[in-house]
N, C-alpha and C. Protein backbone atom coordinates (compact mmCIF):
# COMPACT_ATOMS: atom_id res chain seq x y z
N MET A 1 -31.87 121.21 175.89
CA MET A 1 -32.43 122.42 174.71
C MET A 1 -31.66 123.58 175.12
N GLU A 2 -31.57 123.36 177.06
CA GLU A 2 -30.29 124.80 177.87
C GLU A 2 -29.29 124.93 177.64
N GLN A 3 -29.00 123.84 176.45
CA GLN A 3 -27.30 124.02 175.62
C GLN A 3 -27.36 124.73 175.31
N LEU A 4 -28.44 124.49 173.87
CA LEU A 4 -28.66 125.40 172.71
C LEU A 4 -29.06 126.79 172.88
N ARG A 5 -29.26 127.46 173.66
CA ARG A 5 -29.83 128.61 174.43
C ARG A 5 -29.09 129.00 174.79
N LYS A 6 -27.93 128.24 175.77
CA LYS A 6 -27.06 129.21 176.48
C LYS A 6 -25.55 129.58 175.06
N LEU A 7 -26.09 128.60 173.70
CA LEU A 7 -25.56 129.04 172.36
C LEU A 7 -25.57 130.13 171.94
N ILE A 8 -27.37 129.56 171.56
CA ILE A 8 -27.64 130.88 171.15
C ILE A 8 -28.10 132.65 171.96
N ASP A 9 -28.02 132.47 173.50
CA ASP A 9 -27.63 133.58 173.90
C ASP A 9 -26.01 133.79 174.11
N ASP A 10 -24.94 133.38 173.71
CA ASP A 10 -23.27 133.60 173.63
C ASP A 10 -22.64 134.03 172.18
N THR A 11 -24.18 134.34 171.28
CA THR A 11 -23.75 134.15 169.88
C THR A 11 -24.99 135.28 169.97
N ASP A 12 -25.74 135.31 170.29
CA ASP A 12 -26.19 137.26 170.28
C ASP A 12 -25.51 138.24 171.16
N ARG A 13 -24.75 137.89 171.80
CA ARG A 13 -23.84 138.44 172.45
C ARG A 13 -22.86 139.10 171.20
N GLU A 14 -22.38 138.20 171.09
CA GLU A 14 -21.42 138.81 170.07
C GLU A 14 -21.86 139.34 168.62
N ILE A 15 -23.35 138.75 168.43
CA ILE A 15 -24.02 139.71 167.85
C ILE A 15 -24.41 141.27 167.74
N THR A 16 -24.81 141.96 169.41
CA THR A 16 -25.00 142.69 169.96
C THR A 16 -23.56 143.62 170.09
N LYS A 17 -22.20 143.01 170.17
CA LYS A 17 -21.22 143.92 170.07
C LYS A 17 -20.77 144.11 168.59
N LEU A 18 -20.67 143.08 167.90
CA LEU A 18 -20.43 143.31 166.82
C LEU A 18 -21.64 144.64 165.51
N PHE A 19 -22.56 144.60 166.56
CA PHE A 19 -23.39 145.28 166.40
C PHE A 19 -23.82 147.12 165.98
N GLU A 20 -22.68 147.16 167.43
CA GLU A 20 -22.34 148.05 168.06
C GLU A 20 -21.00 148.86 167.36
N GLN A 21 -20.53 147.94 166.98
CA GLN A 21 -19.36 148.25 166.61
C GLN A 21 -19.76 148.63 164.88
N ARG A 22 -20.44 147.98 164.41
CA ARG A 22 -20.46 148.45 162.93
C ARG A 22 -21.79 149.91 163.15
N MET A 23 -22.32 150.00 164.20
CA MET A 23 -22.88 151.39 164.51
C MET A 23 -21.92 152.45 164.33
N ASN A 24 -20.78 152.29 164.75
CA ASN A 24 -19.86 153.53 165.40
C ASN A 24 -19.67 153.48 163.96
N ILE A 25 -19.25 152.19 163.27
CA ILE A 25 -18.44 152.87 162.43
C ILE A 25 -19.46 154.17 160.91
N VAL A 26 -20.42 153.52 161.33
CA VAL A 26 -21.48 154.34 160.65
C VAL A 26 -21.80 155.25 160.89
N LYS A 27 -21.45 155.97 162.28
CA LYS A 27 -21.36 157.16 162.66
C LYS A 27 -20.17 158.19 162.12
N GLU A 28 -18.99 157.56 161.80
CA GLU A 28 -18.07 158.07 161.25
C GLU A 28 -18.00 158.48 159.59
N ILE A 29 -18.69 157.98 159.30
CA ILE A 29 -19.34 157.69 157.87
C ILE A 29 -20.13 158.48 157.54
N ALA A 30 -21.64 159.05 158.47
CA ALA A 30 -22.14 159.57 158.29
C ALA A 30 -21.93 161.78 158.33
N ASN A 31 -21.09 161.24 159.75
CA ASN A 31 -20.12 162.31 160.09
C ASN A 31 -19.62 163.50 158.65
N TYR A 32 -18.65 161.86 157.87
CA TYR A 32 -18.03 161.80 156.56
C TYR A 32 -18.85 162.68 154.99
N LYS A 33 -19.25 161.96 155.48
CA LYS A 33 -20.97 161.96 153.96
C LYS A 33 -21.35 163.93 154.15
N LYS A 34 -21.71 163.75 155.25
CA LYS A 34 -22.18 165.10 156.06
C LYS A 34 -21.48 166.25 155.40
N ALA A 35 -20.14 166.41 155.84
CA ALA A 35 -18.81 167.38 155.63
C ALA A 35 -19.15 167.34 154.66
N ASN A 36 -19.23 166.22 153.16
CA ASN A 36 -18.05 166.66 152.01
C ASN A 36 -19.47 166.27 150.79
N GLY A 37 -20.56 166.50 151.73
CA GLY A 37 -21.97 166.78 150.63
C GLY A 37 -22.39 165.68 150.11
N VAL A 38 -21.99 164.13 150.46
CA VAL A 38 -22.33 162.67 150.08
C VAL A 38 -23.49 162.59 150.25
N VAL A 39 -24.78 161.88 149.05
CA VAL A 39 -25.76 161.16 149.58
C VAL A 39 -25.03 160.01 151.07
N ILE A 40 -27.04 159.43 151.22
CA ILE A 40 -26.33 158.52 152.23
C ILE A 40 -27.10 157.79 151.54
N ASN A 41 -27.80 157.33 150.22
CA ASN A 41 -27.89 155.71 149.53
C ASN A 41 -27.08 155.79 148.69
N ASN A 42 -26.49 154.63 148.43
CA ASN A 42 -25.39 153.97 147.64
C ASN A 42 -25.87 152.44 147.21
N SER A 43 -26.53 151.98 146.41
CA SER A 43 -26.72 151.07 145.80
C SER A 43 -26.46 150.52 145.47
N ILE A 44 -25.12 151.14 144.97
CA ILE A 44 -24.22 150.35 144.23
C ILE A 44 -23.62 149.44 145.37
N ARG A 45 -22.97 150.35 146.49
CA ARG A 45 -21.91 150.38 147.18
C ARG A 45 -23.37 148.96 148.28
N GLU A 46 -23.97 148.91 148.20
CA GLU A 46 -25.34 148.26 148.69
C GLU A 46 -25.08 146.58 148.23
N GLN A 47 -24.87 146.95 147.22
CA GLN A 47 -25.35 145.07 146.53
C GLN A 47 -24.10 145.15 146.16
N GLU A 48 -22.61 145.42 146.32
CA GLU A 48 -21.36 144.83 146.27
C GLU A 48 -21.07 143.84 147.71
N VAL A 49 -21.90 145.36 149.45
CA VAL A 49 -21.79 144.22 150.42
C VAL A 49 -22.89 143.09 149.96
N ILE A 50 -23.61 142.88 150.11
CA ILE A 50 -24.60 141.45 149.73
C ILE A 50 -23.73 140.65 149.36
N GLU A 51 -23.47 140.88 148.11
CA GLU A 51 -22.28 140.13 146.77
C GLU A 51 -21.60 139.29 148.00
N LYS A 52 -20.41 140.56 148.55
CA LYS A 52 -19.11 139.33 149.11
C LYS A 52 -19.69 138.92 149.63
N ASN A 53 -20.90 139.04 151.20
CA ASN A 53 -20.59 138.43 151.93
C ASN A 53 -21.68 137.06 151.93
N ILE A 54 -22.18 137.12 150.98
CA ILE A 54 -23.03 135.78 150.04
C ILE A 54 -21.78 135.01 149.99
N ALA A 55 -21.05 135.25 149.62
CA ALA A 55 -19.29 134.66 148.74
C ALA A 55 -19.23 133.96 149.80
N LEU A 56 -19.12 134.77 150.86
CA LEU A 56 -18.48 133.67 152.59
C LEU A 56 -19.43 132.99 152.61
N LEU A 57 -20.54 132.70 152.82
CA LEU A 57 -21.46 131.71 152.98
C LEU A 57 -20.84 129.85 152.69
N LYS A 58 -20.99 129.63 153.26
CA LYS A 58 -20.06 127.75 153.62
C LYS A 58 -21.74 127.40 153.51
N ASP A 59 -22.90 127.53 153.66
CA ASP A 59 -24.32 127.20 152.83
C ASP A 59 -24.84 127.80 152.53
N LYS A 60 -25.01 127.79 151.73
CA LYS A 60 -25.60 128.01 149.89
C LYS A 60 -26.82 127.77 150.31
N GLY A 61 -27.69 127.55 150.94
CA GLY A 61 -28.60 127.39 151.67
C GLY A 61 -29.13 128.44 151.70
N LEU A 62 -28.63 128.78 152.90
CA LEU A 62 -28.56 130.50 153.55
C LEU A 62 -28.96 131.76 152.59
N GLU A 63 -28.07 131.76 151.56
CA GLU A 63 -28.25 133.18 150.78
C GLU A 63 -29.39 133.47 151.11
N PRO A 64 -30.62 133.92 150.97
CA PRO A 64 -31.87 134.21 151.12
C PRO A 64 -32.11 134.84 152.65
N PHE A 65 -32.18 134.38 153.30
CA PHE A 65 -31.61 134.55 154.46
C PHE A 65 -30.19 135.87 155.04
N LEU A 66 -29.84 135.50 154.39
CA LEU A 66 -28.30 136.37 154.85
C LEU A 66 -28.88 137.99 153.44
N LYS A 67 -29.54 137.21 152.35
CA LYS A 67 -29.33 138.64 151.71
C LYS A 67 -30.83 139.52 152.08
N GLU A 68 -31.35 138.92 153.09
CA GLU A 68 -32.15 139.39 154.18
C GLU A 68 -31.85 140.44 155.04
N PHE A 69 -30.74 139.39 155.72
CA PHE A 69 -30.18 140.40 157.39
C PHE A 69 -29.38 141.67 156.54
N TYR A 70 -28.93 141.21 155.57
CA TYR A 70 -28.24 142.33 155.34
C TYR A 70 -29.00 143.71 154.44
N ILE A 71 -29.47 143.34 153.69
CA ILE A 71 -30.50 144.66 153.73
C ILE A 71 -31.36 145.03 154.59
N SER A 72 -31.99 144.28 155.65
CA SER A 72 -33.03 144.71 156.89
C SER A 72 -31.20 145.89 157.46
N LEU A 73 -30.01 145.00 157.40
CA LEU A 73 -29.04 145.80 158.17
C LEU A 73 -28.31 147.37 157.78
N MET A 74 -28.90 147.22 156.28
CA MET A 74 -28.34 148.35 155.83
C MET A 74 -29.61 149.90 155.86
N ASP A 75 -30.21 149.20 155.55
CA ASP A 75 -32.12 150.15 156.20
C ASP A 75 -31.55 150.33 157.23
N ILE A 76 -31.06 150.61 158.32
CA ILE A 76 -31.03 150.59 159.59
C ILE A 76 -29.84 151.33 159.69
N SER A 77 -28.69 151.22 159.04
CA SER A 77 -27.83 151.85 158.85
C SER A 77 -27.75 153.11 157.87
N LYS A 78 -29.04 153.22 157.10
CA LYS A 78 -29.10 154.69 156.50
C LYS A 78 -30.20 155.00 157.43
N LYS A 79 -31.00 154.33 158.10
CA LYS A 79 -31.76 155.61 158.96
C LYS A 79 -30.77 156.01 160.45
N TYR A 80 -30.37 155.86 160.86
CA TYR A 80 -29.36 155.73 162.21
C TYR A 80 -28.53 157.25 161.15
N GLN A 81 -27.90 156.94 159.75
CA GLN A 81 -27.48 158.16 159.49
C GLN A 81 -28.35 159.39 158.83
N MET A 82 -29.59 159.17 158.52
CA MET A 82 -30.37 160.38 158.48
C MET A 82 -31.13 160.81 159.71
N GLU A 83 -30.41 159.72 161.05
CA GLU A 83 -30.92 160.77 162.25
C GLU A 83 -30.31 161.46 162.38
N LEU A 84 -28.81 161.30 162.22
CA LEU A 84 -27.29 161.74 162.63
C LEU A 84 -27.57 163.03 162.22
N ASN A 85 -27.14 163.07 160.19
CA ASN A 85 -27.71 164.14 159.91
C ASN A 85 -28.89 165.23 160.12
N LYS A 86 -29.14 165.01 161.03
CA LYS A 86 -30.61 165.82 160.85
C LYS A 86 -30.07 167.44 161.56
């Protein structure tokens, strides 16, 4: 069990690093959208992101969970963009 928990901790560290990287990019996108009058919400792009990443899954049984993950991640990204554009 300890070894499995260590693997989870290692994975969580990587996820956090990638999350921060993604949010830094989201900040750049927010700046672009604000400067160019582009709306934050883009449901077509969101669906493309979900479908593209589901296609990468090896274990298709995880599809509903990955979909939920990306919906949540994009909701967080939009919330962050709105916060930055106040």
